[in-house]
mmCIF file of all heavy atoms, coordinates in Angstrom:
data_MODEL
# 
_entry.id   MODEL 
# 
loop_
_atom_site.group_PDB 
_atom_site.id 
_atom_site.type_symbol 
_atom_site.label_atom_id 
_atom_site.label_alt_id 
_atom_site.label_comp_id 
_atom_site.label_asym_id 
_atom_site.label_entity_id 
_atom_site.label_seq_id 
_atom_site.pdbx_PDB_ins_code 
_atom_site.Cartn_x 
_atom_site.Cartn_y 
_atom_site.Cartn_z 
_atom_site.occupancy 
_atom_site.B_iso_or_equiv 
_atom_site.pdbx_formal_charge 
_atom_site.auth_seq_id 
_atom_site.auth_comp_id 
_atom_site.auth_asym_id 
_atom_site.auth_atom_id 
_atom_site.pdbx_PDB_model_num 
ATOM 1   N N   . LEU A 1 1  ? 103.444 94.130  87.717  1.00 0.00 ? 1  LEU A N   1 
ATOM 2   C CA  . LEU A 1 1  ? 103.111 95.288  88.546  1.00 0.00 ? 1  LEU A CA  1 
ATOM 3   C C   . LEU A 1 1  ? 103.601 95.091  89.978  1.00 0.00 ? 1  LEU A C   1 
ATOM 4   O O   . LEU A 1 1  ? 104.079 96.045  90.623  1.00 0.00 ? 1  LEU A O   1 
ATOM 5   C CB  . LEU A 1 1  ? 101.589 95.535  88.546  1.00 0.00 ? 1  LEU A CB  1 
ATOM 6   C CG  . LEU A 1 1  ? 101.005 96.016  87.217  1.00 0.00 ? 1  LEU A CG  1 
ATOM 7   C CD1 . LEU A 1 1  ? 99.494  95.970  87.263  1.00 0.00 ? 1  LEU A CD1 1 
ATOM 8   C CD2 . LEU A 1 1  ? 101.513 97.421  86.896  1.00 0.00 ? 1  LEU A CD2 1 
ATOM 9   N N   . TRP A 1 2  ? 103.478 93.890  90.503  1.00 0.00 ? 2  TRP A N   1 
ATOM 10  C CA  . TRP A 1 2  ? 103.971 93.577  91.838  1.00 0.00 ? 2  TRP A CA  1 
ATOM 11  C C   . TRP A 1 2  ? 105.477 93.772  91.907  1.00 0.00 ? 2  TRP A C   1 
ATOM 12  O O   . TRP A 1 2  ? 106.016 94.360  92.856  1.00 0.00 ? 2  TRP A O   1 
ATOM 13  C CB  . TRP A 1 2  ? 103.560 92.145  92.222  1.00 0.00 ? 2  TRP A CB  1 
ATOM 14  C CG  . TRP A 1 2  ? 104.140 91.641  93.518  1.00 0.00 ? 2  TRP A CG  1 
ATOM 15  C CD1 . TRP A 1 2  ? 104.997 90.620  93.659  1.00 0.00 ? 2  TRP A CD1 1 
ATOM 16  C CD2 . TRP A 1 2  ? 103.892 92.166  94.834  1.00 0.00 ? 2  TRP A CD2 1 
ATOM 17  N NE1 . TRP A 1 2  ? 105.314 90.469  94.994  1.00 0.00 ? 2  TRP A NE1 1 
ATOM 18  C CE2 . TRP A 1 2  ? 104.645 91.383  95.729  1.00 0.00 ? 2  TRP A CE2 1 
ATOM 19  C CE3 . TRP A 1 2  ? 103.109 93.185  95.333  1.00 0.00 ? 2  TRP A CE3 1 
ATOM 20  C CZ2 . TRP A 1 2  ? 104.638 91.604  97.105  1.00 0.00 ? 2  TRP A CZ2 1 
ATOM 21  C CZ3 . TRP A 1 2  ? 103.113 93.416  96.696  1.00 0.00 ? 2  TRP A CZ3 1 
ATOM 22  C CH2 . TRP A 1 2  ? 103.868 92.622  97.563  1.00 0.00 ? 2  TRP A CH2 1 
ATOM 23  N N   . TRP A 1 3  ? 106.185 93.250  90.906  1.00 0.00 ? 3  TRP A N   1 
ATOM 24  C CA  . TRP A 1 3  ? 107.655 93.375  90.853  1.00 0.00 ? 3  TRP A CA  1 
ATOM 25  C C   . TRP A 1 3  ? 108.053 94.863  90.842  1.00 0.00 ? 3  TRP A C   1 
ATOM 26  O O   . TRP A 1 3  ? 108.961 95.278  91.575  1.00 0.00 ? 3  TRP A O   1 
ATOM 27  C CB  . TRP A 1 3  ? 108.194 92.686  89.627  1.00 0.00 ? 3  TRP A CB  1 
ATOM 28  C CG  . TRP A 1 3  ? 109.670 92.698  89.533  1.00 0.00 ? 3  TRP A CG  1 
ATOM 29  C CD1 . TRP A 1 3  ? 110.460 93.632  88.919  1.00 0.00 ? 3  TRP A CD1 1 
ATOM 30  C CD2 . TRP A 1 3  ? 110.573 91.756  90.124  1.00 0.00 ? 3  TRP A CD2 1 
ATOM 31  N NE1 . TRP A 1 3  ? 111.766 93.336  89.061  1.00 0.00 ? 3  TRP A NE1 1 
ATOM 32  C CE2 . TRP A 1 3  ? 111.881 92.180  89.805  1.00 0.00 ? 3  TRP A CE2 1 
ATOM 33  C CE3 . TRP A 1 3  ? 110.405 90.617  90.881  1.00 0.00 ? 3  TRP A CE3 1 
ATOM 34  C CZ2 . TRP A 1 3  ? 113.002 91.496  90.206  1.00 0.00 ? 3  TRP A CZ2 1 
ATOM 35  C CZ3 . TRP A 1 3  ? 111.533 89.911  91.275  1.00 0.00 ? 3  TRP A CZ3 1 
ATOM 36  C CH2 . TRP A 1 3  ? 112.815 90.353  90.949  1.00 0.00 ? 3  TRP A CH2 1 
ATOM 37  N N   . GLU A 1 4  ? 107.384 95.652  90.024  1.00 0.00 ? 4  GLU A N   1 
ATOM 38  C CA  . GLU A 1 4  ? 107.664 97.092  89.939  1.00 0.00 ? 4  GLU A CA  1 
ATOM 39  C C   . GLU A 1 4  ? 107.395 97.786  91.279  1.00 0.00 ? 4  GLU A C   1 
ATOM 40  O O   . GLU A 1 4  ? 108.195 98.606  91.735  1.00 0.00 ? 4  GLU A O   1 
ATOM 41  C CB  . GLU A 1 4  ? 106.839 97.753  88.840  1.00 0.00 ? 4  GLU A CB  1 
ATOM 42  C CG  . GLU A 1 4  ? 107.248 97.342  87.451  1.00 0.00 ? 4  GLU A CG  1 
ATOM 43  C CD  . GLU A 1 4  ? 106.287 97.771  86.370  1.00 0.00 ? 4  GLU A CD  1 
ATOM 44  O OE1 . GLU A 1 4  ? 105.268 98.450  86.687  1.00 0.00 ? 4  GLU A OE1 1 
ATOM 45  O OE2 . GLU A 1 4  ? 106.522 97.437  85.197  1.00 0.00 ? 4  GLU A OE2 1 
ATOM 46  N N   . TYR A 1 5  ? 106.285 97.405  91.904  1.00 0.00 ? 5  TYR A N   1 
ATOM 47  C CA  . TYR A 1 5  ? 105.937 97.987  93.195  1.00 0.00 ? 5  TYR A CA  1 
ATOM 48  C C   . TYR A 1 5  ? 107.017 97.640  94.253  1.00 0.00 ? 5  TYR A C   1 
ATOM 49  O O   . TYR A 1 5  ? 107.464 98.508  94.991  1.00 0.00 ? 5  TYR A O   1 
ATOM 50  C CB  . TYR A 1 5  ? 104.552 97.480  93.654  1.00 0.00 ? 5  TYR A CB  1 
ATOM 51  C CG  . TYR A 1 5  ? 104.223 97.874  95.068  1.00 0.00 ? 5  TYR A CG  1 
ATOM 52  C CD1 . TYR A 1 5  ? 103.710 99.140  95.365  1.00 0.00 ? 5  TYR A CD1 1 
ATOM 53  C CD2 . TYR A 1 5  ? 104.430 96.979  96.122  1.00 0.00 ? 5  TYR A CD2 1 
ATOM 54  C CE1 . TYR A 1 5  ? 103.415 99.479  96.674  1.00 0.00 ? 5  TYR A CE1 1 
ATOM 55  C CE2 . TYR A 1 5  ? 104.149 97.323  97.415  1.00 0.00 ? 5  TYR A CE2 1 
ATOM 56  C CZ  . TYR A 1 5  ? 103.632 98.584  97.690  1.00 0.00 ? 5  TYR A CZ  1 
ATOM 57  O OH  . TYR A 1 5  ? 103.351 98.935  98.988  1.00 0.00 ? 5  TYR A OH  1 
ATOM 58  N N   . CYS A 1 6  ? 107.394 96.379  94.303  1.00 0.00 ? 6  CYS A N   1 
ATOM 59  C CA  . CYS A 1 6  ? 108.406 95.945  95.298  1.00 0.00 ? 6  CYS A CA  1 
ATOM 60  C C   . CYS A 1 6  ? 109.759 96.614  95.057  1.00 0.00 ? 6  CYS A C   1 
ATOM 61  O O   . CYS A 1 6  ? 110.431 97.015  96.012  1.00 0.00 ? 6  CYS A O   1 
ATOM 62  C CB  . CYS A 1 6  ? 108.553 94.426  95.242  1.00 0.00 ? 6  CYS A CB  1 
ATOM 63  S SG  . CYS A 1 6  ? 107.119 93.542  95.887  1.00 0.00 ? 6  CYS A SG  1 
ATOM 64  N N   . SER A 1 7  ? 110.140 96.745  93.799  1.00 0.00 ? 7  SER A N   1 
ATOM 65  C CA  . SER A 1 7  ? 111.408 97.407  93.477  1.00 0.00 ? 7  SER A CA  1 
ATOM 66  C C   . SER A 1 7  ? 111.378 98.881  93.888  1.00 0.00 ? 7  SER A C   1 
ATOM 67  O O   . SER A 1 7  ? 112.328 99.389  94.460  1.00 0.00 ? 7  SER A O   1 
ATOM 68  C CB  . SER A 1 7  ? 111.685 97.318  91.974  1.00 0.00 ? 7  SER A CB  1 
ATOM 69  O OG  . SER A 1 7  ? 111.829 95.979  91.617  1.00 0.00 ? 7  SER A OG  1 
ATOM 70  N N   . ARG A 1 8  ? 110.276 99.542  93.611  1.00 0.00 ? 8  ARG A N   1 
ATOM 71  C CA  . ARG A 1 8  ? 110.151 100.974 93.917  1.00 0.00 ? 8  ARG A CA  1 
ATOM 72  C C   . ARG A 1 8  ? 110.100 101.238 95.420  1.00 0.00 ? 8  ARG A C   1 
ATOM 73  O O   . ARG A 1 8  ? 110.686 102.165 95.921  1.00 0.00 ? 8  ARG A O   1 
ATOM 74  C CB  . ARG A 1 8  ? 108.898 101.520 93.229  1.00 0.00 ? 8  ARG A CB  1 
ATOM 75  C CG  . ARG A 1 8  ? 108.716 103.000 93.360  1.00 0.00 ? 8  ARG A CG  1 
ATOM 76  C CD  . ARG A 1 8  ? 107.428 103.518 92.731  1.00 0.00 ? 8  ARG A CD  1 
ATOM 77  N NE  . ARG A 1 8  ? 106.269 102.944 93.420  1.00 0.00 ? 8  ARG A NE  1 
ATOM 78  C CZ  . ARG A 1 8  ? 105.377 102.140 92.850  1.00 0.00 ? 8  ARG A CZ  1 
ATOM 79  N NH1 . ARG A 1 8  ? 105.469 101.817 91.572  1.00 0.00 ? 8  ARG A NH1 1 
ATOM 80  N NH2 . ARG A 1 8  ? 104.374 101.644 93.531  1.00 0.00 ? 8  ARG A NH2 1 
ATOM 81  N N   . ASP A 1 9  ? 109.368 100.362 96.159  1.00 0.00 ? 9  ASP A N   1 
ATOM 82  C CA  . ASP A 1 9  ? 109.158 100.593 97.585  1.00 0.00 ? 9  ASP A CA  1 
ATOM 83  C C   . ASP A 1 9  ? 110.056 99.742  98.501  1.00 0.00 ? 9  ASP A C   1 
ATOM 84  O O   . ASP A 1 9  ? 109.828 99.691  99.699  1.00 0.00 ? 9  ASP A O   1 
ATOM 85  C CB  . ASP A 1 9  ? 107.697 100.352 97.959  1.00 0.00 ? 9  ASP A CB  1 
ATOM 86  C CG  . ASP A 1 9  ? 106.791 101.454 97.409  1.00 0.00 ? 9  ASP A CG  1 
ATOM 87  O OD1 . ASP A 1 9  ? 107.234 102.273 96.603  1.00 0.00 ? 9  ASP A OD1 1 
ATOM 88  O OD2 . ASP A 1 9  ? 105.605 101.476 97.789  1.00 0.00 ? 9  ASP A OD2 1 
ATOM 89  N N   . ASP A 1 10 ? 111.040 99.073  97.884  1.00 0.00 ? 10 ASP A N   1 
ATOM 90  C CA  . ASP A 1 10 ? 111.999 98.251  98.623  1.00 0.00 ? 10 ASP A CA  1 
ATOM 91  C C   . ASP A 1 10 ? 111.295 97.197  99.487  1.00 0.00 ? 10 ASP A C   1 
ATOM 92  O O   . ASP A 1 10 ? 111.522 97.097  100.695 1.00 0.00 ? 10 ASP A O   1 
ATOM 93  C CB  . ASP A 1 10 ? 112.909 99.137  99.485  1.00 0.00 ? 10 ASP A CB  1 
ATOM 94  C CG  . ASP A 1 10 ? 114.157 98.401  99.926  1.00 0.00 ? 10 ASP A CG  1 
ATOM 95  O OD1 . ASP A 1 10 ? 114.600 97.480  99.201  1.00 0.00 ? 10 ASP A OD1 1 
ATOM 96  O OD2 . ASP A 1 10 ? 114.679 98.712  101.025 1.00 0.00 ? 10 ASP A OD2 1 
ATOM 97  N N   . VAL A 1 11 ? 110.406 96.442  98.858  1.00 0.00 ? 11 VAL A N   1 
ATOM 98  C CA  . VAL A 1 11 ? 109.674 95.353  99.505  1.00 0.00 ? 11 VAL A CA  1 
ATOM 99  C C   . VAL A 1 11 ? 110.183 94.034  98.979  1.00 0.00 ? 11 VAL A C   1 
ATOM 100 O O   . VAL A 1 11 ? 110.453 93.889  97.787  1.00 0.00 ? 11 VAL A O   1 
ATOM 101 C CB  . VAL A 1 11 ? 108.140 95.481  99.202  1.00 0.00 ? 11 VAL A CB  1 
ATOM 102 C CG1 . VAL A 1 11 ? 107.372 94.296  99.721  1.00 0.00 ? 11 VAL A CG1 1 
ATOM 103 C CG2 . VAL A 1 11 ? 107.600 96.789  99.759  1.00 0.00 ? 11 VAL A CG2 1 
ATOM 104 N N   . ASN A 1 12 ? 110.344 93.052  99.874  1.00 0.00 ? 12 ASN A N   1 
ATOM 105 C CA  . ASN A 1 12 ? 110.772 91.713  99.456  1.00 0.00 ? 12 ASN A CA  1 
ATOM 106 C C   . ASN A 1 12 ? 109.644 91.098  98.621  1.00 0.00 ? 12 ASN A C   1 
ATOM 107 O O   . ASN A 1 12 ? 108.512 90.961  99.105  1.00 0.00 ? 12 ASN A O   1 
ATOM 108 C CB  . ASN A 1 12 ? 111.106 90.846  100.659 1.00 0.00 ? 12 ASN A CB  1 
ATOM 109 C CG  . ASN A 1 12 ? 111.679 89.514  100.252 1.00 0.00 ? 12 ASN A CG  1 
ATOM 110 O OD1 . ASN A 1 12 ? 111.141 88.815  99.398  1.00 0.00 ? 12 ASN A OD1 1 
ATOM 111 N ND2 . ASN A 1 12 ? 112.805 89.167  100.847 1.00 0.00 ? 12 ASN A ND2 1 
ATOM 112 N N   . VAL A 1 13 ? 109.962 90.698  97.391  1.00 0.00 ? 13 VAL A N   1 
ATOM 113 C CA  . VAL A 1 13 ? 108.954 90.166  96.459  1.00 0.00 ? 13 VAL A CA  1 
ATOM 114 C C   . VAL A 1 13 ? 108.277 88.911  96.980  1.00 0.00 ? 13 VAL A C   1 
ATOM 115 O O   . VAL A 1 13 ? 107.078 88.725  96.817  1.00 0.00 ? 13 VAL A O   1 
ATOM 116 C CB  . VAL A 1 13 ? 109.616 89.882  95.087  1.00 0.00 ? 13 VAL A CB  1 
ATOM 117 C CG1 . VAL A 1 13 ? 108.631 89.224  94.133  1.00 0.00 ? 13 VAL A CG1 1 
ATOM 118 C CG2 . VAL A 1 13 ? 110.181 91.151  94.483  1.00 0.00 ? 13 VAL A CG2 1 
ATOM 119 N N   . PHE A 1 14 ? 109.043 88.053  97.624  1.00 0.00 ? 14 PHE A N   1 
ATOM 120 C CA  . PHE A 1 14 ? 108.520 86.735  98.022  1.00 0.00 ? 14 PHE A CA  1 
ATOM 121 C C   . PHE A 1 14 ? 108.066 86.635  99.484  1.00 0.00 ? 14 PHE A C   1 
ATOM 122 O O   . PHE A 1 14 ? 107.377 85.688  99.847  1.00 0.00 ? 14 PHE A O   1 
ATOM 123 C CB  . PHE A 1 14 ? 109.596 85.652  97.722  1.00 0.00 ? 14 PHE A CB  1 
ATOM 124 C CG  . PHE A 1 14 ? 109.940 85.580  96.272  1.00 0.00 ? 14 PHE A CG  1 
ATOM 125 C CD1 . PHE A 1 14 ? 111.151 86.090  95.816  1.00 0.00 ? 14 PHE A CD1 1 
ATOM 126 C CD2 . PHE A 1 14 ? 109.052 85.048  95.356  1.00 0.00 ? 14 PHE A CD2 1 
ATOM 127 C CE1 . PHE A 1 14 ? 111.469 86.015  94.473  1.00 0.00 ? 14 PHE A CE1 1 
ATOM 128 C CE2 . PHE A 1 14 ? 109.368 84.991  94.015  1.00 0.00 ? 14 PHE A CE2 1 
ATOM 129 C CZ  . PHE A 1 14 ? 110.595 85.491  93.567  1.00 0.00 ? 14 PHE A CZ  1 
ATOM 130 N N   . THR A 1 15 ? 108.471 87.565  100.318 1.00 0.00 ? 15 THR A N   1 
ATOM 131 C CA  . THR A 1 15 ? 108.042 87.533  101.737 1.00 0.00 ? 15 THR A CA  1 
ATOM 132 C C   . THR A 1 15 ? 107.619 88.927  102.214 1.00 0.00 ? 15 THR A C   1 
ATOM 133 O O   . THR A 1 15 ? 108.192 89.460  103.168 1.00 0.00 ? 15 THR A O   1 
ATOM 134 C CB  . THR A 1 15 ? 109.178 86.979  102.639 1.00 0.00 ? 15 THR A CB  1 
ATOM 135 O OG1 . THR A 1 15 ? 110.345 87.802  102.456 1.00 0.00 ? 15 THR A OG1 1 
ATOM 136 C CG2 . THR A 1 15 ? 109.491 85.529  102.333 1.00 0.00 ? 15 THR A CG2 1 
ATOM 137 N N   . PRO A 1 16 ? 106.614 89.490  101.580 1.00 0.00 ? 16 PRO A N   1 
ATOM 138 C CA  . PRO A 1 16 ? 106.160 90.826  102.000 1.00 0.00 ? 16 PRO A CA  1 
ATOM 139 C C   . PRO A 1 16 ? 105.275 90.730  103.217 1.00 0.00 ? 16 PRO A C   1 
ATOM 140 O O   . PRO A 1 16 ? 104.735 89.670  103.549 1.00 0.00 ? 16 PRO A O   1 
ATOM 141 C CB  . PRO A 1 16 ? 105.372 91.293  100.788 1.00 0.00 ? 16 PRO A CB  1 
ATOM 142 C CG  . PRO A 1 16 ? 104.771 90.035  100.276 1.00 0.00 ? 16 PRO A CG  1 
ATOM 143 C CD  . PRO A 1 16 ? 105.827 88.976  100.470 1.00 0.00 ? 16 PRO A CD  1 
ATOM 144 N N   . SER A 1 17 ? 105.092 91.840  103.854 1.00 0.00 ? 17 SER A N   1 
ATOM 145 C CA  . SER A 1 17 ? 104.092 91.904  104.931 1.00 0.00 ? 17 SER A CA  1 
ATOM 146 C C   . SER A 1 17 ? 102.709 92.029  104.284 1.00 0.00 ? 17 SER A C   1 
ATOM 147 O O   . SER A 1 17 ? 102.572 92.427  103.125 1.00 0.00 ? 17 SER A O   1 
ATOM 148 C CB  . SER A 1 17 ? 104.372 93.118  105.826 1.00 0.00 ? 17 SER A CB  1 
ATOM 149 O OG  . SER A 1 17 ? 104.170 94.304  105.096 1.00 0.00 ? 17 SER A OG  1 
ATOM 150 N N   . VAL A 1 18 ? 101.699 91.703  105.046 1.00 0.00 ? 18 VAL A N   1 
ATOM 151 C CA  . VAL A 1 18 ? 100.325 91.827  104.546 1.00 0.00 ? 18 VAL A CA  1 
ATOM 152 C C   . VAL A 1 18 ? 100.040 93.298  104.251 1.00 0.00 ? 18 VAL A C   1 
ATOM 153 O O   . VAL A 1 18 ? 99.384  93.624  103.254 1.00 0.00 ? 18 VAL A O   1 
ATOM 154 C CB  . VAL A 1 18 ? 99.311  91.253  105.567 1.00 0.00 ? 18 VAL A CB  1 
ATOM 155 C CG1 . VAL A 1 18 ? 97.888  91.563  105.141 1.00 0.00 ? 18 VAL A CG1 1 
ATOM 156 C CG2 . VAL A 1 18 ? 99.512  89.771  105.733 1.00 0.00 ? 18 VAL A CG2 1 
ATOM 157 N N   . SER A 1 19 ? 100.578 94.191  105.057 1.00 0.00 ? 19 SER A N   1 
ATOM 158 C CA  . SER A 1 19 ? 100.348 95.612  104.804 1.00 0.00 ? 19 SER A CA  1 
ATOM 159 C C   . SER A 1 19 ? 100.978 96.061  103.486 1.00 0.00 ? 19 SER A C   1 
ATOM 160 O O   . SER A 1 19 ? 100.429 96.936  102.815 1.00 0.00 ? 19 SER A O   1 
ATOM 161 C CB  . SER A 1 19 ? 100.851 96.468  105.983 1.00 0.00 ? 19 SER A CB  1 
ATOM 162 O OG  . SER A 1 19 ? 102.225 96.308  106.149 1.00 0.00 ? 19 SER A OG  1 
ATOM 163 N N   . SER A 1 20 ? 102.086 95.450  103.083 1.00 0.00 ? 20 SER A N   1 
ATOM 164 C CA  . SER A 1 20 ? 102.699 95.771  101.787 1.00 0.00 ? 20 SER A CA  1 
ATOM 165 C C   . SER A 1 20 ? 101.793 95.297  100.663 1.00 0.00 ? 20 SER A C   1 
ATOM 166 O O   . SER A 1 20 ? 101.625 95.996  99.651  1.00 0.00 ? 20 SER A O   1 
ATOM 167 C CB  . SER A 1 20 ? 104.064 95.119  101.653 1.00 0.00 ? 20 SER A CB  1 
ATOM 168 O OG  . SER A 1 20 ? 104.965 95.666  102.557 1.00 0.00 ? 20 SER A OG  1 
ATOM 169 N N   . VAL A 1 21 ? 101.226 94.111  100.802 1.00 0.00 ? 21 VAL A N   1 
ATOM 170 C CA  . VAL A 1 21 ? 100.304 93.595  99.788  1.00 0.00 ? 21 VAL A CA  1 
ATOM 171 C C   . VAL A 1 21 ? 99.079  94.505  99.694  1.00 0.00 ? 21 VAL A C   1 
ATOM 172 O O   . VAL A 1 21 ? 98.630  94.868  98.604  1.00 0.00 ? 21 VAL A O   1 
ATOM 173 C CB  . VAL A 1 21 ? 99.886  92.139  100.071 1.00 0.00 ? 21 VAL A CB  1 
ATOM 174 C CG1 . VAL A 1 21 ? 98.830  91.657  99.102  1.00 0.00 ? 21 VAL A CG1 1 
ATOM 175 C CG2 . VAL A 1 21 ? 101.099 91.216  100.028 1.00 0.00 ? 21 VAL A CG2 1 
ATOM 176 N N   . LEU A 1 22 ? 98.548  94.896  100.832 1.00 0.00 ? 22 LEU A N   1 
ATOM 177 C CA  . LEU A 1 22 ? 97.391  95.796  100.852 1.00 0.00 ? 22 LEU A CA  1 
ATOM 178 C C   . LEU A 1 22 ? 97.742  97.149  100.245 1.00 0.00 ? 22 LEU A C   1 
ATOM 179 O O   . LEU A 1 22 ? 96.910  97.755  99.534  1.00 0.00 ? 22 LEU A O   1 
ATOM 180 C CB  . LEU A 1 22 ? 96.862  95.965  102.260 1.00 0.00 ? 22 LEU A CB  1 
ATOM 181 C CG  . LEU A 1 22 ? 96.132  94.758  102.838 1.00 0.00 ? 22 LEU A CG  1 
ATOM 182 C CD1 . LEU A 1 22 ? 95.866  94.948  104.329 1.00 0.00 ? 22 LEU A CD1 1 
ATOM 183 C CD2 . LEU A 1 22 ? 94.851  94.495  102.088 1.00 0.00 ? 22 LEU A CD2 1 
ATOM 184 N N   . SER A 1 23 ? 98.920  97.635  100.496 1.00 0.00 ? 23 SER A N   1 
ATOM 185 C CA  . SER A 1 23 ? 99.367  98.898  99.919  1.00 0.00 ? 23 SER A CA  1 
ATOM 186 C C   . SER A 1 23 ? 99.441  98.800  98.407  1.00 0.00 ? 23 SER A C   1 
ATOM 187 O O   . SER A 1 23 ? 98.998  99.713  97.695  1.00 0.00 ? 23 SER A O   1 
ATOM 188 C CB  . SER A 1 23 ? 100.715 99.284  100.515 1.00 0.00 ? 23 SER A CB  1 
ATOM 189 O OG  . SER A 1 23 ? 101.183 100.472 99.969  1.00 0.00 ? 23 SER A OG  1 
ATOM 190 N N   . PHE A 1 24 ? 99.958  97.690  97.918  1.00 0.00 ? 24 PHE A N   1 
ATOM 191 C CA  . PHE A 1 24 ? 100.023 97.455  96.451  1.00 0.00 ? 24 PHE A CA  1 
ATOM 192 C C   . PHE A 1 24 ? 98.619  97.430  95.860  1.00 0.00 ? 24 PHE A C   1 
ATOM 193 O O   . PHE A 1 24 ? 98.352  98.082  94.853  1.00 0.00 ? 24 PHE A O   1 
ATOM 194 C CB  . PHE A 1 24 ? 100.763 96.137  96.190  1.00 0.00 ? 24 PHE A CB  1 
ATOM 195 C CG  . PHE A 1 24 ? 100.581 95.613  94.799  1.00 0.00 ? 24 PHE A CG  1 
ATOM 196 C CD1 . PHE A 1 24 ? 101.194 96.203  93.710  1.00 0.00 ? 24 PHE A CD1 1 
ATOM 197 C CD2 . PHE A 1 24 ? 99.764  94.512  94.578  1.00 0.00 ? 24 PHE A CD2 1 
ATOM 198 C CE1 . PHE A 1 24 ? 101.011 95.730  92.431  1.00 0.00 ? 24 PHE A CE1 1 
ATOM 199 C CE2 . PHE A 1 24 ? 99.575  94.017  93.292  1.00 0.00 ? 24 PHE A CE2 1 
ATOM 200 C CZ  . PHE A 1 24 ? 100.200 94.623  92.227  1.00 0.00 ? 24 PHE A CZ  1 
ATOM 201 N N   . LEU A 1 25 ? 97.726  96.656  96.481  1.00 0.00 ? 25 LEU A N   1 
ATOM 202 C CA  . LEU A 1 25 ? 96.357  96.528  95.964  1.00 0.00 ? 25 LEU A CA  1 
ATOM 203 C C   . LEU A 1 25 ? 95.625  97.858  96.012  1.00 0.00 ? 25 LEU A C   1 
ATOM 204 O O   . LEU A 1 25 ? 94.881  98.204  95.085  1.00 0.00 ? 25 LEU A O   1 
ATOM 205 C CB  . LEU A 1 25 ? 95.606  95.457  96.728  1.00 0.00 ? 25 LEU A CB  1 
ATOM 206 C CG  . LEU A 1 25 ? 96.097  94.012  96.522  1.00 0.00 ? 25 LEU A CG  1 
ATOM 207 C CD1 . LEU A 1 25 ? 95.423  93.079  97.520  1.00 0.00 ? 25 LEU A CD1 1 
ATOM 208 C CD2 . LEU A 1 25 ? 95.884  93.554  95.099  1.00 0.00 ? 25 LEU A CD2 1 
ATOM 209 N N   . THR A 1 26 ? 95.854  98.628  97.051  1.00 0.00 ? 26 THR A N   1 
ATOM 210 C CA  . THR A 1 26 ? 95.226  99.945  97.178  1.00 0.00 ? 26 THR A CA  1 
ATOM 211 C C   . THR A 1 26 ? 95.754  100.879 96.093  1.00 0.00 ? 26 THR A C   1 
ATOM 212 O O   . THR A 1 26 ? 94.981  101.617 95.469  1.00 0.00 ? 26 THR A O   1 
ATOM 213 C CB  . THR A 1 26 ? 95.497  100.558 98.558  1.00 0.00 ? 26 THR A CB  1 
ATOM 214 O OG1 . THR A 1 26 ? 94.996  99.668  99.551  1.00 0.00 ? 26 THR A OG1 1 
ATOM 215 C CG2 . THR A 1 26 ? 94.842  101.908 98.728  1.00 0.00 ? 26 THR A CG2 1 
# 
């Protein structure tokens, strides 16, 4: 799910921002 989220939202899988992680969890 994380991989799909990062691919869709153009987020670096291994060095995301905390806000990207929170966005994924939300």
